[in-house]
């Protein structure tokens, strides 16, 4: 009985070395697509300023004399109506800034094979 040895030949795809891959990645231009535009950031800044301004309007209420009680200082229209309304307007502006779609859309870069 003659026994022949079977030879198994496995081919594996050639993988580029790490240096070659890093060079290819450095050469290929990468463009990032931003979610927010300049107008979105500007609206966020305006909303933040409105919220901060409303909180400043709510602050205070210190009595000039600790022995007297003046309701007009603590329960003034500025602290109970105007300041919370400004804070709510600021929050609405923040929501609009987040959900507003950018005006300019950057097209994705096509991959070169």
N, C-alpha and C. Protein backbone atom coordinates (compact mmCIF):
# COMPACT_ATOMS: atom_id res chain seq x y z
N UNK A 1 0.80 -1.15 0.00
CA UNK A 1 0.00 0.00 0.00
C UNK A 1 0.86 1.24 0.00
N UNK A 2 0.60 2.00 -0.93
CA UNK A 2 1.38 3.23 -0.98
C UNK A 2 0.53 4.37 -0.45
N UNK A 3 1.10 5.08 0.44
CA UNK A 3 0.39 6.23 1.01
C UNK A 3 1.04 7.49 0.50
N UNK A 4 0.24 8.29 -0.07
CA UNK A 4 0.73 9.58 -0.54
C UNK A 4 0.31 10.64 0.45
N UNK A 5 1.17 11.57 0.68
CA UNK A 5 0.83 12.66 1.57
C UNK A 5 0.03 13.70 0.81
N UNK A 6 -1.00 14.13 1.45
CA UNK A 6 -1.81 15.17 0.84
C UNK A 6 -1.23 16.52 1.22
N UNK A 7 -1.12 17.36 0.25
CA UNK A 7 -0.61 18.70 0.48
C UNK A 7 -1.77 19.68 0.41
N UNK A 8 -1.93 20.41 1.47
CA UNK A 8 -3.00 21.42 1.52
C UNK A 8 -2.36 22.78 1.36
N UNK A 9 -2.82 23.49 0.36
CA UNK A 9 -2.30 24.83 0.12
C UNK A 9 -3.41 25.84 0.45
N UNK A 10 -3.15 26.68 1.42
CA UNK A 10 -4.12 27.70 1.81
C UNK A 10 -3.59 29.06 1.39
N UNK A 11 -4.44 29.78 0.73
CA UNK A 11 -4.02 31.12 0.31
C UNK A 11 -4.70 32.13 1.23
N UNK A 12 -3.91 33.03 1.72
CA UNK A 12 -4.45 34.10 2.57
C UNK A 12 -4.25 35.42 1.84
N UNK A 13 -5.21 36.30 1.97
CA UNK A 13 -5.03 37.59 1.30
C UNK A 13 -3.88 38.36 1.94
N UNK A 14 -3.17 39.04 1.10
CA UNK A 14 -2.03 39.80 1.58
C UNK A 14 -2.54 41.09 2.24
N UNK A 15 -2.15 41.28 3.46
CA UNK A 15 -2.58 42.45 4.21
C UNK A 15 -1.44 43.46 4.21
N UNK A 16 -1.80 44.70 3.95
CA UNK A 16 -0.79 45.75 3.93
C UNK A 16 -0.26 45.96 5.34
N UNK A 17 0.97 46.35 5.41
CA UNK A 17 1.56 46.57 6.72
C UNK A 17 0.95 47.82 7.37
N UNK A 18 1.20 47.96 8.63
CA UNK A 18 0.65 49.09 9.38
C UNK A 18 1.17 50.41 8.85
N UNK A 19 2.39 50.44 8.44
CA UNK A 19 2.98 51.68 7.92
C UNK A 19 2.31 52.06 6.61
N UNK A 20 2.07 51.08 5.75
CA UNK A 20 1.41 51.38 4.47
C UNK A 20 -0.01 51.86 4.70
N UNK A 21 -0.72 51.26 5.65
CA UNK A 21 -2.09 51.70 5.93
C UNK A 21 -2.12 53.10 6.52
N UNK A 22 -1.16 53.41 7.39
CA UNK A 22 -1.16 54.74 7.99
C UNK A 22 -0.81 55.80 6.95
N UNK A 23 0.07 55.46 6.00
CA UNK A 23 0.39 56.41 4.93
C UNK A 23 -0.83 56.64 4.04
N UNK A 24 -1.55 55.57 3.74
CA UNK A 24 -2.74 55.71 2.90
C UNK A 24 -3.81 56.53 3.61
N UNK A 25 -3.92 56.36 4.90
CA UNK A 25 -4.90 57.14 5.65
C UNK A 25 -4.49 58.61 5.73
N UNK A 26 -3.19 58.87 5.80
CA UNK A 26 -2.72 60.25 5.87
C UNK A 26 -2.90 60.96 4.54
N UNK A 27 -2.79 60.23 3.44
CA UNK A 27 -2.92 60.84 2.13
C UNK A 27 -4.39 61.13 1.80
N UNK A 28 -5.28 60.24 2.19
CA UNK A 28 -6.69 60.42 1.87
C UNK A 28 -7.26 61.59 2.68
N UNK A 29 -7.88 62.54 2.01
CA UNK A 29 -8.45 63.67 2.75
C UNK A 29 -9.69 63.25 3.52
N UNK A 30 -9.75 63.67 4.76
CA UNK A 30 -10.91 63.34 5.58
C UNK A 30 -11.68 64.63 5.84
N UNK A 31 -12.93 64.61 5.47
CA UNK A 31 -13.80 65.76 5.71
C UNK A 31 -14.85 65.32 6.72
N UNK A 32 -14.97 66.09 7.75
CA UNK A 32 -15.97 65.75 8.75
C UNK A 32 -17.25 66.50 8.45
N UNK A 33 -18.34 65.84 8.69
CA UNK A 33 -19.64 66.45 8.49
C UNK A 33 -20.12 66.93 9.84
N UNK A 34 -20.30 68.23 9.98
CA UNK A 34 -20.74 68.79 11.24
C UNK A 34 -22.26 68.74 11.33
N UNK A 35 -22.72 68.44 12.52
CA UNK A 35 -24.17 68.37 12.73
C UNK A 35 -24.76 69.77 12.80
N UNK A 36 -24.05 70.68 13.48
CA UNK A 36 -24.55 72.03 13.67
C UNK A 36 -23.82 73.01 12.78
N UNK A 37 -24.52 74.05 12.40
CA UNK A 37 -23.99 75.12 11.58
C UNK A 37 -23.66 76.31 12.47
N UNK A 38 -23.12 77.36 11.88
CA UNK A 38 -22.80 78.56 12.63
C UNK A 38 -24.06 79.18 13.24
N UNK A 39 -25.17 79.13 12.52
CA UNK A 39 -26.41 79.70 13.04
C UNK A 39 -26.92 78.90 14.24
N UNK A 40 -26.70 77.58 14.23
CA UNK A 40 -27.11 76.76 15.38
C UNK A 40 -26.34 77.18 16.64
N UNK A 41 -25.03 77.35 16.49
CA UNK A 41 -24.22 77.76 17.64
C UNK A 41 -24.59 79.16 18.10
N UNK A 42 -24.90 80.04 17.17
CA UNK A 42 -25.30 81.40 17.54
C UNK A 42 -26.63 81.38 18.30
N UNK A 43 -27.57 80.57 17.84
CA UNK A 43 -28.85 80.45 18.56
C UNK A 43 -28.65 79.83 19.94
N UNK A 44 -27.74 78.87 20.06
CA UNK A 44 -27.46 78.29 21.37
C UNK A 44 -26.89 79.33 22.32
N UNK A 45 -26.02 80.17 21.80
CA UNK A 45 -25.43 81.22 22.62
C UNK A 45 -26.49 82.22 23.07
N UNK A 46 -27.40 82.59 22.17
CA UNK A 46 -28.48 83.52 22.51
C UNK A 46 -29.40 82.89 23.56
N UNK A 47 -29.73 81.62 23.40
CA UNK A 47 -30.57 80.93 24.38
C UNK A 47 -29.91 80.86 25.75
N UNK A 48 -28.61 80.57 25.76
CA UNK A 48 -27.89 80.53 27.02
C UNK A 48 -27.87 81.90 27.69
N UNK A 49 -27.67 82.96 26.89
CA UNK A 49 -27.67 84.31 27.44
C UNK A 49 -29.04 84.68 28.01
N UNK A 50 -30.11 84.28 27.32
CA UNK A 50 -31.45 84.56 27.84
C UNK A 50 -31.71 83.83 29.16
N UNK A 51 -31.28 82.59 29.26
CA UNK A 51 -31.46 81.83 30.50
C UNK A 51 -30.67 82.48 31.63
N UNK A 52 -29.43 82.86 31.36
CA UNK A 52 -28.61 83.50 32.38
C UNK A 52 -29.21 84.84 32.80
N UNK A 53 -29.72 85.62 31.84
CA UNK A 53 -30.33 86.91 32.16
C UNK A 53 -31.59 86.72 33.01
N UNK A 54 -32.39 85.71 32.72
CA UNK A 54 -33.57 85.42 33.52
C UNK A 54 -33.21 85.02 34.94
N UNK A 55 -32.14 84.25 35.10
CA UNK A 55 -31.71 83.86 36.44
C UNK A 55 -31.18 85.06 37.22
N UNK A 56 -30.51 85.97 36.54
CA UNK A 56 -30.03 87.18 37.21
C UNK A 56 -31.22 88.03 37.65
N UNK A 57 -32.25 88.11 36.81
CA UNK A 57 -33.44 88.87 37.20
C UNK A 57 -34.15 88.25 38.40
N UNK A 58 -34.08 86.93 38.55
CA UNK A 58 -34.72 86.27 39.68
C UNK A 58 -33.95 86.44 40.98
N UNK A 59 -32.67 86.74 40.88
CA UNK A 59 -31.87 86.82 42.10
C UNK A 59 -32.18 88.09 42.88
N UNK A 60 -31.67 88.13 44.08
CA UNK A 60 -31.88 89.32 44.91
C UNK A 60 -32.97 89.10 45.93
N UNK A 61 -33.58 90.18 46.34
CA UNK A 61 -34.67 90.09 47.31
C UNK A 61 -34.21 90.27 48.73
N UNK A 62 -33.03 90.81 48.91
CA UNK A 62 -32.53 91.02 50.26
C UNK A 62 -33.21 92.24 50.87
N UNK A 63 -33.63 92.09 52.10
CA UNK A 63 -34.28 93.18 52.81
C UNK A 63 -33.24 94.19 53.27
N UNK A 64 -33.53 95.49 53.12
CA UNK A 64 -32.57 96.50 53.58
C UNK A 64 -32.43 96.49 55.11
N UNK A 65 -33.49 96.15 55.81
CA UNK A 65 -33.46 96.09 57.27
C UNK A 65 -33.98 94.72 57.69
N UNK A 66 -33.23 93.96 58.49
CA UNK A 66 -33.69 92.62 58.86
C UNK A 66 -34.95 92.61 59.74
N UNK A 67 -35.30 93.73 60.30
CA UNK A 67 -36.47 93.78 61.18
C UNK A 67 -37.76 94.11 60.44
N UNK A 68 -37.67 94.46 59.16
CA UNK A 68 -38.88 94.80 58.41
C UNK A 68 -39.09 93.77 57.31
N UNK A 69 -40.35 93.57 56.96
CA UNK A 69 -40.72 92.63 55.91
C UNK A 69 -41.42 93.42 54.82
N UNK A 70 -40.85 93.37 53.61
CA UNK A 70 -41.44 94.09 52.49
C UNK A 70 -41.74 93.07 51.38
N UNK A 71 -43.02 92.79 51.19
CA UNK A 71 -43.42 91.81 50.18
C UNK A 71 -43.11 92.27 48.76
N UNK A 72 -43.08 93.55 48.56
CA UNK A 72 -42.85 94.07 47.20
C UNK A 72 -41.44 93.74 46.70
N UNK A 73 -40.49 93.51 47.60
CA UNK A 73 -39.14 93.15 47.17
C UNK A 73 -39.05 91.68 46.74
N UNK A 74 -39.72 90.81 47.48
CA UNK A 74 -39.61 89.38 47.18
C UNK A 74 -40.61 88.96 46.11
N UNK A 75 -41.84 89.41 46.23
CA UNK A 75 -42.89 88.98 45.31
C UNK A 75 -43.16 90.03 44.23
N UNK A 76 -42.12 90.60 43.70
CA UNK A 76 -42.30 91.61 42.66
C UNK A 76 -42.63 90.93 41.33
N UNK A 77 -43.20 91.70 40.43
CA UNK A 77 -43.57 91.18 39.11
C UNK A 77 -42.33 90.72 38.34
N UNK A 78 -41.21 91.39 38.58
CA UNK A 78 -39.97 91.03 37.90
C UNK A 78 -39.53 89.61 38.26
N UNK A 79 -39.62 89.25 39.54
CA UNK A 79 -39.16 87.94 39.99
C UNK A 79 -40.18 86.83 39.77
N UNK A 80 -41.44 87.15 39.73
CA UNK A 80 -42.45 86.09 39.64
C UNK A 80 -43.00 85.87 38.24
N UNK A 81 -42.89 86.88 37.37
CA UNK A 81 -43.48 86.74 36.03
C UNK A 81 -42.45 86.92 34.93
N UNK A 82 -41.75 88.05 34.95
CA UNK A 82 -40.86 88.39 33.84
C UNK A 82 -39.66 87.45 33.76
N UNK A 83 -38.98 87.23 34.88
CA UNK A 83 -37.77 86.39 34.86
C UNK A 83 -38.07 84.95 34.46
N UNK A 84 -39.09 84.29 35.01
CA UNK A 84 -39.38 82.93 34.53
C UNK A 84 -39.79 82.88 33.06
N UNK A 85 -40.48 83.91 32.59
CA UNK A 85 -40.85 83.95 31.17
C UNK A 85 -39.60 84.05 30.30
N UNK A 86 -38.62 84.84 30.72
CA UNK A 86 -37.38 84.97 29.94
C UNK A 86 -36.60 83.65 29.95
N UNK A 87 -36.59 82.96 31.08
CA UNK A 87 -35.92 81.66 31.14
C UNK A 87 -36.61 80.66 30.21
N UNK A 88 -37.92 80.64 30.20
CA UNK A 88 -38.64 79.74 29.30
C UNK A 88 -38.40 80.08 27.83
N UNK A 89 -38.34 81.36 27.51
CA UNK A 89 -38.03 81.77 26.13
C UNK A 89 -36.62 81.30 25.76
N UNK A 90 -35.68 81.40 26.69
CA UNK A 90 -34.33 80.91 26.45
C UNK A 90 -34.30 79.42 26.20
N UNK A 91 -35.10 78.66 26.95
CA UNK A 91 -35.16 77.21 26.72
C UNK A 91 -35.77 76.88 25.37
N UNK A 92 -36.77 77.63 24.95
CA UNK A 92 -37.36 77.42 23.63
C UNK A 92 -36.34 77.72 22.53
N UNK A 93 -35.56 78.78 22.72
CA UNK A 93 -34.52 79.12 21.74
C UNK A 93 -33.48 78.00 21.68
N UNK A 94 -33.14 77.41 22.82
CA UNK A 94 -32.19 76.29 22.83
C UNK A 94 -32.74 75.09 22.07
N UNK A 95 -34.01 74.79 22.26
CA UNK A 95 -34.63 73.67 21.55
C UNK A 95 -34.64 73.92 20.05
N UNK A 96 -34.98 75.14 19.66
CA UNK A 96 -34.97 75.49 18.23
C UNK A 96 -33.56 75.37 17.67
N UNK A 97 -32.56 75.80 18.44
CA UNK A 97 -31.18 75.74 17.97
C UNK A 97 -30.73 74.30 17.77
N UNK A 98 -31.19 73.41 18.62
CA UNK A 98 -30.79 72.01 18.49
C UNK A 98 -31.47 71.34 17.30
N UNK A 99 -32.75 71.62 17.09
CA UNK A 99 -33.49 70.94 16.03
C UNK A 99 -33.41 71.62 14.67
N UNK A 100 -32.86 72.82 14.59
CA UNK A 100 -32.76 73.53 13.31
C UNK A 100 -31.73 72.82 12.42
N UNK A 101 -32.12 72.55 11.20
CA UNK A 101 -31.20 71.91 10.26
C UNK A 101 -30.23 72.95 9.73
N UNK A 102 -28.97 72.54 9.49
CA UNK A 102 -28.00 73.49 8.96
C UNK A 102 -28.36 73.91 7.54
N UNK A 103 -28.00 75.14 7.21
CA UNK A 103 -28.30 75.65 5.87
C UNK A 103 -27.41 75.00 4.81
N UNK A 104 -26.14 74.84 5.13
CA UNK A 104 -25.20 74.25 4.17
C UNK A 104 -24.93 72.81 4.58
N UNK A 105 -25.11 71.92 3.63
CA UNK A 105 -24.85 70.50 3.88
C UNK A 105 -23.60 70.13 3.10
N UNK A 106 -22.61 69.60 3.79
CA UNK A 106 -21.37 69.19 3.14
C UNK A 106 -21.56 67.79 2.62
N UNK A 107 -21.29 67.62 1.32
CA UNK A 107 -21.46 66.30 0.69
C UNK A 107 -20.36 65.37 1.20
N UNK A 108 -20.69 64.11 1.43
CA UNK A 108 -19.66 63.17 1.90
C UNK A 108 -18.62 62.91 0.81
N UNK A 109 -17.42 62.64 1.23
CA UNK A 109 -16.31 62.39 0.30
C UNK A 109 -16.44 60.96 -0.20
N UNK A 110 -16.32 60.78 -1.50
CA UNK A 110 -16.39 59.45 -2.08
C UNK A 110 -15.07 58.74 -1.84
N UNK A 111 -15.17 57.45 -1.54
CA UNK A 111 -13.98 56.67 -1.30
C UNK A 111 -13.34 56.29 -2.63
N UNK A 112 -12.04 56.40 -2.66
CA UNK A 112 -11.29 56.03 -3.86
C UNK A 112 -10.76 54.62 -3.66
N UNK A 113 -11.08 53.75 -4.60
CA UNK A 113 -10.67 52.35 -4.45
C UNK A 113 -9.23 52.15 -4.87
